[in-house]
């Protein structure tokens, strides 16, 4: 303890040093209560608004990713539904067209058969006429040859 007092004496410190030390400690606690607590509140608020928002931003980003994925799946689902509807309508249209083609084909085939029958009937009539003429020509030829 003597060494400490000798050091203080060599530095020229006297009893006012302790008064000054007491004043510094009192001012420290007074400033701590009035300024430092407010400064700490401001620093905490700043940290909450800056670094802690990073966590909120990550949460919002993850939420946006989920919404994007949901949108994409619903869009794919809507595209598949649209494709199935288009395919269904196309198939219905094709079956309807095939049905119409078959009806027209059947009608044309029946018309062709009728025309063929008419043609064959005419051909038969012409054939019988030609054969009759051939018979009459052959009998005339025989008559001319025999005469």
Protein backbone atom coordinates (compact mmCIF):
# COMPACT_ATOMS: atom_id res chain seq x y z
CA UNK A 1 0.00 0.00 0.00
CA UNK A 2 2.94 2.27 0.68
CA UNK A 3 4.14 1.70 -2.81
CA UNK A 4 0.80 2.84 -4.20
CA UNK A 5 0.89 5.96 -2.03
CA UNK A 6 4.47 6.63 -3.13
CA UNK A 7 3.41 6.28 -6.77
CA UNK A 8 0.51 8.71 -6.21
CA UNK A 9 2.83 11.16 -4.44
CA UNK A 10 5.41 10.93 -7.22
CA UNK A 11 2.65 11.66 -9.76
CA UNK A 12 1.59 14.64 -7.73
CA UNK A 13 -1.77 13.20 -6.80
CA UNK A 14 -3.36 14.31 -3.59
CA UNK A 15 -6.72 13.86 -1.89
CA UNK A 16 -8.50 15.56 -4.81
CA UNK A 17 -7.76 12.46 -6.86
CA UNK A 18 -10.30 10.51 -4.85
CA UNK A 19 -12.85 13.31 -5.23
CA UNK A 20 -12.26 13.31 -8.93
CA UNK A 21 -12.55 9.52 -9.04
CA UNK A 22 -15.84 9.71 -7.15
CA UNK A 23 -17.12 12.37 -9.58
CA UNK A 24 -16.12 10.25 -12.60
CA UNK A 25 -17.93 7.22 -11.16
CA UNK A 26 -21.04 9.29 -10.39
CA UNK A 27 -21.02 10.79 -13.89
CA UNK A 28 -20.49 7.35 -15.38
CA UNK A 29 -23.56 5.93 -13.64
CA UNK A 30 -25.59 9.06 -14.44
CA UNK A 31 -24.63 8.85 -18.14
CA UNK A 32 -25.20 5.13 -18.14
CA UNK A 33 -28.72 5.60 -16.87
CA UNK A 34 -29.57 8.47 -19.18
CA UNK A 35 -27.54 7.99 -22.39
CA UNK A 36 -26.04 4.53 -22.57
CA UNK A 37 -29.35 2.71 -22.05
CA UNK A 38 -30.94 4.78 -24.84
CA UNK A 39 -27.91 4.16 -27.03
CA UNK A 40 -28.20 0.42 -26.38
CA UNK A 41 -31.91 0.54 -27.30
CA UNK A 42 -31.06 2.31 -30.55
CA UNK A 43 -28.35 -0.25 -31.35
CA UNK A 44 -30.73 -3.14 -30.61
CA UNK A 45 -33.44 -1.56 -32.74
CA UNK A 46 -30.98 -1.07 -35.57
CA UNK A 47 -29.88 -4.69 -35.32
CA UNK A 48 -33.49 -5.86 -35.36
CA UNK A 49 -34.23 -3.80 -38.43
CA UNK A 50 -31.12 -4.81 -40.35
CA UNK A 51 -29.64 -8.19 -39.51
CA UNK A 52 -32.80 -9.80 -38.21
CA UNK A 53 -34.64 -8.72 -41.35
CA UNK A 54 -32.29 -11.00 -43.22
CA UNK A 55 -34.04 -13.94 -41.59
CA UNK A 56 -37.41 -12.46 -42.52
CA UNK A 57 -36.18 -11.94 -46.07
CA UNK A 58 -35.15 -15.59 -46.25
CA UNK A 59 -38.57 -16.59 -44.96
CA UNK A 60 -40.27 -14.38 -47.56
CA UNK A 61 -37.99 -15.78 -50.26
CA UNK A 62 -38.92 -19.34 -49.24
CA UNK A 63 -42.59 -18.33 -49.28
CA UNK A 64 -42.16 -16.83 -52.74
CA UNK A 65 -40.50 -20.05 -53.91
CA UNK A 66 -43.43 -22.05 -52.58
CA UNK A 67 -45.90 -19.76 -54.35
CA UNK A 68 -43.87 -20.06 -57.53
CA UNK A 69 -43.87 -23.84 -57.28
CA UNK A 70 -47.61 -23.86 -56.56
CA UNK A 71 -48.22 -21.56 -59.55
CA UNK A 72 -46.11 -23.79 -61.77
CA UNK A 73 -47.92 -26.97 -60.70
CA UNK A 74 -51.32 -25.35 -61.20
CA UNK A 75 -50.21 -24.02 -64.58
CA UNK A 76 -49.02 -27.51 -65.58
CA UNK A 77 -52.31 -28.95 -64.35
CA UNK A 78 -54.27 -26.38 -66.37
CA UNK A 79 -52.16 -27.15 -69.46
CA UNK A 80 -52.81 -30.88 -69.03
CA UNK A 81 -56.54 -30.26 -68.64
CA UNK A 82 -56.55 -28.04 -71.71
CA UNK A 83 -54.62 -30.66 -73.67
CA UNK A 84 -57.01 -33.41 -72.58
CA UNK A 85 -60.02 -31.26 -73.54
CA UNK A 86 -58.46 -30.48 -76.93
CA UNK A 87 -57.64 -34.17 -77.45
CA UNK A 88 -61.16 -35.16 -76.48
CA UNK A 89 -62.71 -32.61 -78.84
CA UNK A 90 -60.33 -33.66 -81.61
CA UNK A 91 -61.24 -37.32 -81.09
CA UNK A 92 -64.95 -36.48 -81.07
CA UNK A 93 -64.49 -34.48 -84.26
CA UNK A 94 -62.55 -37.32 -85.87
CA UNK A 95 -65.19 -39.89 -84.96
CA UNK A 96 -67.90 -37.59 -86.29
CA UNK A 97 -65.95 -37.06 -89.52
CA UNK A 98 -65.35 -40.81 -89.85
CA UNK A 99 -69.05 -41.43 -89.35
CA UNK A 100 -69.93 -38.86 -92.02
CA UNK A 101 -67.33 -40.31 -94.38
CA UNK A 102 -68.75 -43.81 -93.87
CA UNK A 103 -72.27 -42.54 -94.52
CA UNK A 104 -71.17 -40.75 -97.69
CA UNK A 105 -69.12 -43.79 -98.73
CA UNK A 106 -72.11 -46.09 -98.17
CA UNK A 107 -74.37 -43.75 -100.13
CA UNK A 108 -71.84 -43.52 -102.96
CA UNK A 109 -71.37 -47.29 -102.96
CA UNK A 110 -75.11 -47.80 -103.21
CA UNK A 111 -75.29 -45.25 -106.04
CA UNK A 112 -72.40 -46.98 -107.80
CA UNK A 113 -74.14 -50.35 -107.37
CA UNK A 114 -77.37 -48.92 -108.79
CA UNK A 115 -75.52 -47.39 -111.74
CA UNK A 116 -73.64 -50.64 -112.29
CA UNK A 117 -76.92 -52.57 -112.28
CA UNK A 118 -78.44 -50.08 -114.72
CA UNK A 119 -75.35 -50.29 -116.91
CA UNK A 120 -75.35 -54.08 -116.75
CA UNK A 121 -79.06 -54.10 -117.61
CA UNK A 122 -78.40 -51.79 -120.57
CA UNK A 123 -75.45 -53.92 -121.55
CA UNK A 124 -77.60 -57.02 -121.40
CA UNK A 125 -80.27 -55.32 -123.53
CA UNK A 126 -77.65 -54.27 -126.07
CA UNK A 127 -76.12 -57.72 -125.95
CA UNK A 128 -79.46 -59.39 -126.62
CA UNK A 129 -80.16 -56.89 -129.42
CA UNK A 130 -76.75 -57.53 -130.94
CA UNK A 131 -77.24 -61.29 -130.63
CA UNK A 132 -80.66 -60.99 -132.27
CA UNK A 133 -79.13 -58.93 -135.00
CA UNK A 134 -76.32 -61.43 -135.24
CA UNK A 135 -78.87 -64.21 -135.59
CA UNK A 136 -80.75 -62.28 -138.23
CA UNK A 137 -77.50 -61.34 -139.99
CA UNK A 138 -76.29 -64.90 -139.86
CA UNK A 139 -79.59 -66.13 -141.27
CA UNK A 140 -79.41 -63.47 -143.98
CA UNK A 141 -75.85 -64.47 -144.70
CA UNK A 142 -76.87 -68.09 -144.91
CA UNK A 143 -79.73 -67.09 -147.24
CA UNK A 144 -77.39 -65.10 -149.46
CA UNK A 145 -74.87 -67.86 -149.52
CA UNK A 146 -77.45 -70.45 -150.31
CA UNK A 147 -78.93 -68.41 -153.04
